[in-house]
Amino acid sequence: MKKLIKKLLKEGLEENNFTKLLGEVTGTLDFNSFKMNETLNPEIWDSNSKMKLDVLEALKTIATDYWEGLELEAPLMDVTLTGSLANFNWSKYSDVDLHMIFDEGLLGDGKTMVKDLLDVKTRAWNLKHDITVKDFEVELYLQPKDQPHHSTGIYSITNNKWVVEPKKVDSDIDKETITKKYNTIVNTVKEIKKCNDKDIIKIIEKLKDKIKIMRQSGLDSGGEFSNENIVFKLLRRNDIMEQIDDMLTDAYDTSVSLD
């Protein structure tokens, strides 16, 4: 960052120079956060790897309040913390990934449609609210009890104990392959933004499906430190996934608008 500031001062903050320098910064992927720490995050966990009481109560309140607001017949079976904050690979980019476990079968005959609507409502809640716990943003997820979830660290908020206790492992990140996969998707997004194809909605949806399948394949074969999962995390961290969602929304709005 100091080098960037010096270059900006030297080159007079001219618009063209600033844009070029910004490209240099954003074009470099940050892999520093994909590493193992010596301990679990000390803001969340005590020295015995138990969740701190104030964190536990806060997370339980957030999940319970949201679930009760849904007014569903299905009971909330468990609330779990997963992701990097339930592991040794936490960083400043980590989120509090709260999963609410429930029996999808209790949603009735139209359970698939109901689940889709609930997912939309949950995403809207995440966008609307700006809740943090120890400066980490809280993200809620609805997880059917039979849905596979790949994580090397899962902590039950409801039962205050580990479901899957994390272990420190050496992570060997293939930066070159990850960068290539990441840039391929970013360049695809750029091309879609310039596209006027009448099937633009299908094109964007196909890209989203491709990214989803890519990530799931990585989780199935290599876990959280797979190349594919790290690519997804970088896409989300750098707002590429948000850009894709915005493109899809804009494309739909345009397709149904009448001049």
C-alpha atoms as a PDB file:
ATOM      1  CA  MET A   1       0.000   0.000   0.000  1.00  0.00           C
ATOM      2  CA  LYS A   2       2.871   2.408   0.759  1.00  0.00           C
ATOM      3  CA  LYS A   3       4.248   1.841  -2.746  1.00  0.00           C
ATOM      4  CA  LEU A   4       0.820   2.597  -4.203  1.00  0.00           C
ATOM      5  CA  ILE A   5       0.558   5.873  -2.268  1.00  0.00           C
ATOM      6  CA  LYS A   6       4.023   6.936  -3.444  1.00  0.00           C
ATOM      7  CA  LYS A   7       3.123   6.186  -7.059  1.00  0.00           C
ATOM      8  CA  LEU A   8      -0.135   8.118  -6.771  1.00  0.00           C
ATOM      9  CA  LEU A   9       1.658  11.126  -5.320  1.00  0.00           C
ATOM     10  CA  LYS A  10       4.411  10.934  -7.916  1.00  0.00           C
ATOM     11  CA  GLU A  11       2.034  10.669 -10.853  1.00  0.00           C
ATOM     12  CA  GLY A  12      -0.223  13.453  -9.650  1.00  0.00           C
ATOM     13  CA  LEU A  13      -3.440  11.477  -9.070  1.00  0.00           C
ATOM     14  CA  GLU A  14      -4.414  11.861 -12.715  1.00  0.00           C
ATOM     15  CA  GLU A  15      -7.546   9.905 -13.565  1.00  0.00           C
ATOM     16  CA  ASN A  16      -5.910   7.643 -16.149  1.00  0.00           C
ATOM     17  CA  ASN A  17      -3.016   6.854 -13.864  1.00  0.00           C
ATOM     18  CA  PHE A  18      -5.341   6.189 -10.955  1.00  0.00           C
ATOM     19  CA  THR A  19      -7.424   3.765 -13.032  1.00  0.00           C
ATOM     20  CA  LYS A  20      -4.304   1.962 -14.168  1.00  0.00           C
ATOM     21  CA  LEU A  21      -2.969   1.675 -10.634  1.00  0.00           C
ATOM     22  CA  LEU A  22      -6.325   0.510  -9.359  1.00  0.00           C
ATOM     23  CA  GLY A  23      -6.205  -2.247 -11.945  1.00  0.00           C
ATOM     24  CA  GLU A  24      -2.778  -3.278 -10.664  1.00  0.00           C
ATOM     25  CA  VAL A  25      -4.127  -3.568  -7.138  1.00  0.00           C
ATOM     26  CA  THR A  26      -7.386  -5.353  -7.919  1.00  0.00           C
ATOM     27  CA  GLY A  27      -5.713  -7.626 -10.433  1.00  0.00           C
ATOM     28  CA  THR A  28      -3.599  -9.253  -7.712  1.00  0.00           C
ATOM     29  CA  LEU A  29      -5.396 -11.927  -5.719  1.00  0.00           C
ATOM     30  CA  ASP A  30      -4.828 -12.037  -1.981  1.00  0.00           C
ATOM     31  CA  PHE A  31      -3.895 -15.566  -0.884  1.00  0.00           C
ATOM     32  CA  ASN A  32      -2.550 -14.540   2.515  1.00  0.00           C
ATOM     33  CA  SER A  33      -5.821 -15.348   4.275  1.00  0.00           C
ATOM     34  CA  PHE A  34      -5.832 -18.968   3.062  1.00  0.00           C
ATOM     35  CA  LYS A  35      -3.534 -20.285   5.742  1.00  0.00           C
ATOM     36  CA  MET A  36      -3.754 -22.167   9.005  1.00  0.00           C
ATOM     37  CA  ASN A  37      -3.530 -20.227  12.272  1.00  0.00           C
ATOM     38  CA  GLU A  38      -2.016 -21.669  15.400  1.00  0.00           C
ATOM     39  CA  THR A  39      -5.278 -21.354  17.328  1.00  0.00           C
ATOM     40  CA  LEU A  40      -8.988 -20.925  16.749  1.00  0.00           C
ATOM     41  CA  ASN A  41     -10.092 -17.298  16.695  1.00  0.00           C
ATOM     42  CA  PRO A  42      -9.615 -16.058  20.297  1.00  0.00           C
ATOM     43  CA  GLU A  43     -12.562 -13.661  19.997  1.00  0.00           C
ATOM     44  CA  ILE A  44     -14.909 -16.616  19.486  1.00  0.00           C
ATOM     45  CA  TRP A  45     -13.289 -19.460  21.440  1.00  0.00           C
ATOM     46  CA  ASP A  46     -11.758 -19.851  24.891  1.00  0.00           C
ATOM     47  CA  SER A  47      -8.505 -21.663  25.607  1.00  0.00           C
ATOM     48  CA  ASN A  48     -10.366 -24.998  25.845  1.00  0.00           C
ATOM     49  CA  SER A  49     -11.898 -24.643  22.360  1.00  0.00           C
ATOM     50  CA  LYS A  50     -15.332 -23.944  23.839  1.00  0.00           C
ATOM     51  CA  MET A  51     -17.388 -21.114  22.425  1.00  0.00           C
ATOM     52  CA  LYS A  52     -17.340 -18.023  24.631  1.00  0.00           C
ATOM     53  CA  LEU A  53     -20.626 -17.570  26.475  1.00  0.00           C
ATOM     54  CA  ASP A  54     -21.426 -14.089  25.149  1.00  0.00           C
ATOM     55  CA  VAL A  55     -20.853 -15.282  21.573  1.00  0.00           C
ATOM     56  CA  LEU A  56     -22.947 -18.396  22.151  1.00  0.00           C
ATOM     57  CA  GLU A  57     -25.901 -16.433  23.529  1.00  0.00           C
ATOM     58  CA  ALA A  58     -25.714 -13.813  20.779  1.00  0.00           C
ATOM     59  CA  LEU A  59     -25.726 -16.407  17.996  1.00  0.00           C
ATOM     60  CA  LYS A  60     -28.512 -18.379  19.623  1.00  0.00           C
ATOM     61  CA  THR A  61     -30.651 -15.239  19.876  1.00  0.00           C
ATOM     62  CA  ILE A  62     -30.074 -14.253  16.237  1.00  0.00           C
ATOM     63  CA  ALA A  63     -30.978 -17.697  14.886  1.00  0.00           C
ATOM     64  CA  THR A  64     -33.976 -18.164  17.194  1.00  0.00           C
ATOM     65  CA  ASP A  65     -35.434 -14.742  16.424  1.00  0.00           C
ATOM     66  CA  TYR A  66     -35.167 -15.351  12.691  1.00  0.00           C
ATOM     67  CA  TRP A  67     -36.611 -18.862  12.833  1.00  0.00           C
ATOM     68  CA  GLU A  68     -39.572 -17.808  14.956  1.00  0.00           C
ATOM     69  CA  GLY A  69     -40.253 -15.015  12.474  1.00  0.00           C
ATOM     70  CA  LEU A  70     -40.730 -17.593   9.710  1.00  0.00           C
ATOM     71  CA  GLU A  71     -43.715 -19.070  11.615  1.00  0.00           C
ATOM     72  CA  LEU A  72     -43.140 -22.582  10.283  1.00  0.00           C
ATOM     73  CA  GLU A  73     -44.640 -25.804  11.554  1.00  0.00           C
ATOM     74  CA  ALA A  74     -41.226 -27.469  11.395  1.00  0.00           C
ATOM     75  CA  PRO A  75     -39.155 -27.140  14.578  1.00  0.00           C
ATOM     76  CA  LEU A  76     -35.602 -25.832  14.569  1.00  0.00           C
ATOM     77  CA  MET A  77     -33.522 -28.952  15.191  1.00  0.00           C
ATOM     78  CA  ASP A  78     -30.109 -27.364  15.638  1.00  0.00           C
ATOM     79  CA  VAL A  79     -28.097 -24.225  14.976  1.00  0.00           C
ATOM     80  CA  THR A  80     -24.494 -24.739  13.950  1.00  0.00           C
ATOM     81  CA  LEU A  81     -21.476 -22.549  13.334  1.00  0.00           C
ATOM     82  CA  THR A  82     -19.399 -23.719  10.408  1.00  0.00           C
ATOM     83  CA  GLY A  83     -16.867 -22.306   7.980  1.00  0.00           C
ATOM     84  CA  SER A  84     -13.505 -20.753   8.744  1.00  0.00           C
ATOM     85  CA  LEU A  85     -14.505 -19.330  12.139  1.00  0.00           C
ATOM     86  CA  ALA A  86     -15.106 -22.923  13.241  1.00  0.00           C
ATOM     87  CA  ASN A  87     -11.676 -23.838  11.987  1.00  0.00           C
ATOM     88  CA  PHE A  88      -8.043 -22.772  12.044  1.00  0.00           C
ATOM     89  CA  ASN A  89      -8.172 -21.012   8.665  1.00  0.00           C
ATOM     90  CA  TRP A  90     -10.043 -17.927   9.914  1.00  0.00           C
ATOM     91  CA  SER A  91      -9.066 -14.507   8.641  1.00  0.00           C
ATOM     92  CA  LYS A  92     -10.311 -10.926   8.491  1.00  0.00           C
ATOM     93  CA  TYR A  93     -12.548 -12.031   5.612  1.00  0.00           C
ATOM     94  CA  SER A  94     -14.367 -14.671   7.664  1.00  0.00           C
ATOM     95  CA  ASP A  95     -18.123 -14.627   8.186  1.00  0.00           C
ATOM     96  CA  VAL A  96     -20.158 -16.075  11.033  1.00  0.00           C
ATOM     97  CA  ASP A  97     -21.820 -18.865   9.030  1.00  0.00           C
ATOM     98  CA  LEU A  98     -24.903 -19.845  11.023  1.00  0.00           C
ATOM     99  CA  HIS A  99     -26.734 -22.907   9.715  1.00  0.00           C
ATOM    100  CA  MET A 100     -30.270 -23.608  10.912  1.00  0.00           C
ATOM    101  CA  ILE A 101     -30.963 -27.335  10.677  1.00  0.00           C
ATOM    102  CA  PHE A 102     -34.547 -28.461  10.090  1.00  0.00           C
ATOM    103  CA  ASP A 103     -36.588 -31.355   8.683  1.00  0.00           C
ATOM    104  CA  GLU A 104     -37.521 -30.397   5.131  1.00  0.00           C
ATOM    105  CA  GLY A 105     -40.054 -33.239   5.045  1.00  0.00           C
ATOM    106  CA  LEU A 106     -42.266 -31.338   7.491  1.00  0.00           C
ATOM    107  CA  LEU A 107     -42.810 -28.535   4.951  1.00  0.00           C
ATOM    108  CA  GLY A 108     -45.515 -30.564   3.212  1.00  0.00           C
ATOM    109  CA  ASP A 109     -46.114 -31.669  -0.376  1.00  0.00           C
ATOM    110  CA  GLY A 110     -44.714 -28.480  -1.855  1.00  0.00           C
ATOM    111  CA  LYS A 111     -41.531 -28.680   0.221  1.00  0.00           C
ATOM    112  CA  THR A 112     -39.211 -27.894  -2.696  1.00  0.00           C
ATOM    113  CA  MET A 113     -41.068 -24.706  -3.575  1.00  0.00           C
ATOM    114  CA  VAL A 114     -41.369 -23.710   0.086  1.00  0.00           C
ATOM    115  CA  LYS A 115     -37.642 -24.303   0.610  1.00  0.00           C
ATOM    116  CA  ASP A 116     -36.829 -22.131  -2.430  1.00  0.00           C
ATOM    117  CA  LEU A 117     -39.025 -19.335  -1.069  1.00  0.00           C
ATOM    118  CA  LEU A 118     -37.404 -19.648   2.350  1.00  0.00           C
ATOM    119  CA  ASP A 119     -33.949 -19.423   0.762  1.00  0.00           C
ATOM    120  CA  VAL A 120     -34.986 -16.232  -1.038  1.00  0.00           C
ATOM    121  CA  LYS A 121     -36.276 -14.778   2.221  1.00  0.00           C
ATOM    122  CA  THR A 122     -33.085 -15.731   4.029  1.00  0.00           C
ATOM    123  CA  ARG A 123     -30.893 -14.117   1.356  1.00  0.00           C
ATOM    124  CA  ALA A 124     -33.038 -10.987   1.586  1.00  0.00           C
ATOM    125  CA  TRP A 125     -32.595 -10.982   5.376  1.00  0.00           C
ATOM    126  CA  ASN A 126     -28.824 -11.265   4.996  1.00  0.00           C
ATOM    127  CA  LEU A 127     -28.805  -8.324   2.580  1.00  0.00           C
ATOM    128  CA  LYS A 128     -31.081  -6.188   4.743  1.00  0.00           C
ATOM    129  CA  HIS A 129     -29.326  -6.681   8.060  1.00  0.00           C
ATOM    130  CA  ASP A 130     -25.816  -5.708   9.059  1.00  0.00           C
ATOM    131  CA  ILE A 131     -25.283  -7.806  12.184  1.00  0.00           C
ATOM    132  CA  THR A 132     -21.782  -8.494  13.414  1.00  0.00           C
ATOM    133  CA  VAL A 133     -20.389 -10.619  16.214  1.00  0.00           C
ATOM    134  CA  LYS A 134     -16.892  -9.645  17.280  1.00  0.00           C
ATOM    135  CA  ASP A 135     -16.627  -7.612  14.050  1.00  0.00           C
ATOM    136  CA  PHE A 136     -17.473 -10.623  11.868  1.00  0.00           C
ATOM    137  CA  GLU A 137     -20.576 -10.360   9.677  1.00  0.00           C
ATOM    138  CA  VAL A 138     -23.357 -12.855  10.429  1.00  0.00           C
ATOM    139  CA  GLU A 139     -24.756 -14.898   7.522  1.00  0.00           C
ATOM    140  CA  LEU A 140     -27.773 -17.184   7.994  1.00  0.00           C
ATOM    141  CA  TYR A 141     -28.378 -20.373   6.019  1.00  0.00           C
ATOM    142  CA  LEU A 142     -31.245 -22.873   6.031  1.00  0.00           C
ATOM    143  CA  GLN A 143     -29.945 -26.436   5.921  1.00  0.00           C
ATOM    144  CA  PRO A 144     -32.231 -29.491   5.576  1.00  0.00           C
ATOM    145  CA  LYS A 145     -31.063 -32.204   7.996  1.00  0.00           C
ATOM    146  CA  ASP A 146     -30.333 -34.660   5.164  1.00  0.00           C
ATOM    147  CA  GLN A 147     -28.397 -32.186   3.035  1.00  0.00           C
ATOM    148  CA  PRO A 148     -24.665 -33.009   2.868  1.00  0.00           C
ATOM    149  CA  HIS A 149     -22.469 -30.278   4.300  1.00  0.00           C
ATOM    150  CA  HIS A 150     -18.715 -30.437   3.808  1.00  0.00           C
ATOM    151  CA  SER A 151     -16.852 -28.789   6.637  1.00  0.00           C
ATOM    152  CA  THR A 152     -13.952 -29.851   8.817  1.00  0.00           C
ATOM    153  CA  GLY A 153     -15.314 -27.771  11.689  1.00  0.00           C
ATOM    154  CA  ILE A 154     -18.935 -27.723  12.895  1.00  0.00           C
ATOM    155  CA  TYR A 155     -20.069 -26.482  16.314  1.00  0.00           C
ATOM    156  CA  SER A 156     -23.591 -26.949  17.680  1.00  0.00           C
ATOM    157  CA  ILE A 157     -24.865 -23.688  19.154  1.00  0.00           C
ATOM    158  CA  THR A 158     -27.932 -25.494  20.491  1.00  0.00           C
ATOM    159  CA  ASN A 159     -25.957 -28.149  22.359  1.00  0.00           C
ATOM    160  CA  ASN A 160     -22.811 -26.101  22.986  1.00  0.00           C
ATOM    161  CA  LYS A 161     -20.444 -28.777  21.702  1.00  0.00           C
ATOM    162  CA  TRP A 162     -18.464 -29.794  18.652  1.00  0.00           C
ATOM    163  CA  VAL A 163     -20.183 -31.885  16.002  1.00  0.00           C
ATOM    164  CA  VAL A 164     -16.978 -32.017  13.959  1.00  0.00           C
ATOM    165  CA  GLU A 165     -13.902 -30.799  15.816  1.00  0.00           C
ATOM    166  CA  PRO A 166     -11.352 -29.103  13.538  1.00  0.00           C
ATOM    167  CA  LYS A 167      -7.766 -30.195  13.161  1.00  0.00           C
ATOM    168  CA  LYS A 168      -4.795 -28.269  11.875  1.00  0.00           C
ATOM    169  CA  VAL A 169      -3.637 -29.515   8.487  1.00  0.00           C
ATOM    170  CA  ASP A 170      -1.058 -28.274   6.040  1.00  0.00           C
ATOM    171  CA  SER A 171      -2.642 -26.492   3.094  1.00  0.00           C
ATOM    172  CA  ASP A 172      -0.878 -26.550  -0.261  1.00  0.00           C
ATOM    173  CA  ILE A 173      -2.554 -23.899  -2.408  1.00  0.00           C
ATOM    174  CA  ASP A 174      -2.052 -24.029  -6.165  1.00  0.00           C
ATOM    175  CA  LYS A 175      -2.053 -20.283  -6.773  1.00  0.00           C
ATOM    176  CA  GLU A 176      -1.445 -20.557 -10.506  1.00  0.00           C
ATOM    177  CA  THR A 177      -4.396 -22.882 -11.157  1.00  0.00           C
ATOM    178  CA  ILE A 178      -6.676 -20.902  -8.866  1.00  0.00           C
ATOM    179  CA  THR A 179      -5.761 -17.631 -10.567  1.00  0.00           C
ATOM    180  CA  LYS A 180      -6.440 -19.110 -14.017  1.00  0.00           C
ATOM    181  CA  LYS A 181      -9.860 -20.451 -12.967  1.00  0.00           C
ATOM    182  CA  TYR A 182     -10.719 -17.159 -11.277  1.00  0.00           C
ATOM    183  CA  ASN A 183      -9.694 -15.039 -14.257  1.00  0.00           C
ATOM    184  CA  THR A 184     -11.621 -17.273 -16.663  1.00  0.00           C
ATOM    185  CA  ILE A 185     -14.838 -16.607 -14.740  1.00  0.00           C
ATOM    186  CA  VAL A 186     -14.113 -12.885 -14.345  1.00  0.00           C
ATOM    187  CA  ASN A 187     -13.467 -12.548 -18.074  1.00  0.00           C
ATOM    188  CA  THR A 188     -16.695 -14.432 -18.780  1.00  0.00           C
ATOM    189  CA  VAL A 189     -18.580 -11.942 -16.607  1.00  0.00           C
ATOM    190  CA  LYS A 190     -17.005  -9.061 -18.537  1.00  0.00           C
ATOM    191  CA  GLU A 191     -18.095 -10.609 -21.846  1.00  0.00           C
ATOM    192  CA  ILE A 192     -21.645 -11.178 -20.591  1.00  0.00           C
ATOM    193  CA  LYS A 193     -21.873  -7.509 -19.573  1.00  0.00           C
ATOM    194  CA  LYS A 194     -21.218  -6.571 -23.218  1.00  0.00           C
ATOM    195  CA  CYS A 195     -23.614  -9.191 -24.577  1.00  0.00           C
ATOM    196  CA  ASN A 196     -26.999  -8.308 -26.096  1.00  0.00           C
ATOM    197  CA  ASP A 197     -28.110 -11.894 -26.721  1.00  0.00           C
ATOM    198  CA  LYS A 198     -31.856 -12.434 -26.312  1.00  0.00           C
ATOM    199  CA  ASP A 199     -31.068 -15.514 -24.190  1.00  0.00           C
ATOM    200  CA  ILE A 200     -28.949 -13.482 -21.755  1.00  0.00           C
ATOM    201  CA  ILE A 201     -30.890 -14.761 -18.735  1.00  0.00           C
ATOM    202  CA  LYS A 202     -30.136 -18.366 -19.668  1.00  0.00           C
ATOM    203  CA  ILE A 203     -26.471 -17.473 -20.226  1.00  0.00           C
ATOM    204  CA  ILE A 204     -26.145 -15.929 -16.761  1.00  0.00           C
ATOM    205  CA  GLU A 205     -28.014 -18.799 -15.111  1.00  0.00           C
ATOM    206  CA  LYS A 206     -25.725 -21.256 -16.895  1.00  0.00           C
ATOM    207  CA  LEU A 207     -22.690 -19.429 -15.494  1.00  0.00           C
ATOM    208  CA  LYS A 208     -24.140 -19.513 -11.970  1.00  0.00           C
ATOM    209  CA  ASP A 209     -24.814 -23.242 -12.292  1.00  0.00           C
ATOM    210  CA  LYS A 210     -21.291 -23.802 -13.590  1.00  0.00           C
ATOM    211  CA  ILE A 211     -19.796 -22.013 -10.568  1.00  0.00           C
ATOM    212  CA  LYS A 212     -22.063 -23.936  -8.189  1.00  0.00           C
ATOM    213  CA  ILE A 213     -21.105 -27.292  -9.720  1.00  0.00           C
ATOM    214  CA  MET A 214     -17.429 -26.301  -9.730  1.00  0.00           C
ATOM    215  CA  ARG A 215     -17.482 -25.491  -6.035  1.00  0.00           C
ATOM    216  CA  GLN A 216     -19.422 -28.606  -5.063  1.00  0.00           C
ATOM    217  CA  SER A 217     -17.037 -30.768  -7.067  1.00  0.00           C
ATOM    218  CA  GLY A 218     -14.111 -29.223  -5.211  1.00  0.00           C
ATOM    219  CA  LEU A 219     -15.719 -29.725  -1.814  1.00  0.00           C
ATOM    220  CA  ASP A 220     -16.517 -33.352  -2.630  1.00  0.00           C
ATOM    221  CA  SER A 221     -13.020 -34.166  -3.837  1.00  0.00           C
ATOM    222  CA  GLY A 222     -10.706 -31.879  -1.875  1.00  0.00           C
ATOM    223  CA  GLY A 223     -12.669 -30.200   0.888  1.00  0.00           C
ATOM    224  CA  GLU A 224     -12.471 -26.572   1.987  1.00  0.00           C
ATOM    225  CA  PHE A 225      -8.947 -26.065   0.641  1.00  0.00           C
ATOM    226  CA  SER A 226      -9.737 -27.381  -2.833  1.00  0.00           C
ATOM    227  CA  ASN A 227      -8.833 -25.093  -5.718  1.00  0.00           C
ATOM    228  CA  GLU A 228     -12.483 -24.801  -6.714  1.00  0.00           C
ATOM    229  CA  ASN A 229     -13.692 -23.746  -3.270  1.00  0.00           C
ATOM    230  CA  ILE A 230     -10.954 -21.131  -2.955  1.00  0.00           C
ATOM    231  CA  VAL A 231     -11.891 -19.788  -6.406  1.00  0.00           C
ATOM    232  CA  PHE A 232     -15.481 -19.438  -5.190  1.00  0.00           C
ATOM    233  CA  LYS A 233     -14.375 -17.669  -2.008  1.00  0.00           C
ATOM    234  CA  LEU A 234     -12.311 -15.218  -4.052  1.00  0.00           C
ATOM    235  CA  LEU A 235     -15.250 -14.601  -6.400  1.00  0.00           C
ATOM    236  CA  ARG A 236     -17.505 -13.858  -3.450  1.00  0.00           C
ATOM    237  CA  ARG A 237     -14.880 -11.814  -1.616  1.00  0.00           C
ATOM    238  CA  ASN A 238     -14.235  -9.617  -4.657  1.00  0.00           C
ATOM    239  CA  ASP A 239     -17.972  -9.074  -5.310  1.00  0.00           C
ATOM    240  CA  ILE A 240     -17.991 -11.062  -8.558  1.00  0.00           C
ATOM    241  CA  MET A 241     -20.873 -13.231  -7.341  1.00  0.00           C
ATOM    242  CA  GLU A 242     -22.799 -10.085  -6.437  1.00  0.00           C
ATOM    243  CA  GLN A 243     -22.165  -8.705  -9.936  1.00  0.00           C
ATOM    244  CA  ILE A 244     -23.541 -11.918 -11.459  1.00  0.00           C
ATOM    245  CA  ASP A 245     -26.692 -11.673  -9.321  1.00  0.00           C
ATOM    246  CA  ASP A 246     -27.109  -8.012 -10.297  1.00  0.00           C
ATOM    247  CA  MET A 247     -26.739  -8.876 -13.983  1.00  0.00           C
ATOM    248  CA  LEU A 248     -29.417 -11.536 -13.647  1.00  0.00           C
ATOM    249  CA  THR A 249     -31.787  -9.110 -11.931  1.00  0.00           C
ATOM    250  CA  ASP A 250     -31.183  -6.401 -14.545  1.00  0.00           C
ATOM    251  CA  ALA A 251     -31.635  -8.887 -17.392  1.00  0.00           C
ATOM    252  CA  TYR A 252     -34.948 -10.054 -15.995  1.00  0.00           C
ATOM    253  CA  ASP A 253     -36.194  -6.506 -15.418  1.00  0.00           C
ATOM    254  CA  THR A 254     -35.308  -5.589 -18.995  1.00  0.00           C
ATOM    255  CA  SER A 255     -36.984  -8.707 -20.431  1.00  0.00           C
ATOM    256  CA  VAL A 256     -40.342  -7.977 -18.814  1.00  0.00           C
ATOM    257  CA  SER A 257     -40.331  -4.193 -19.166  1.00  0.00           C
ATOM    258  CA  LEU A 258     -42.513  -2.558 -21.781  1.00  0.00           C
ATOM    259  CA  ASP A 259     -41.606   0.764 -23.432  1.00  0.00           C
END
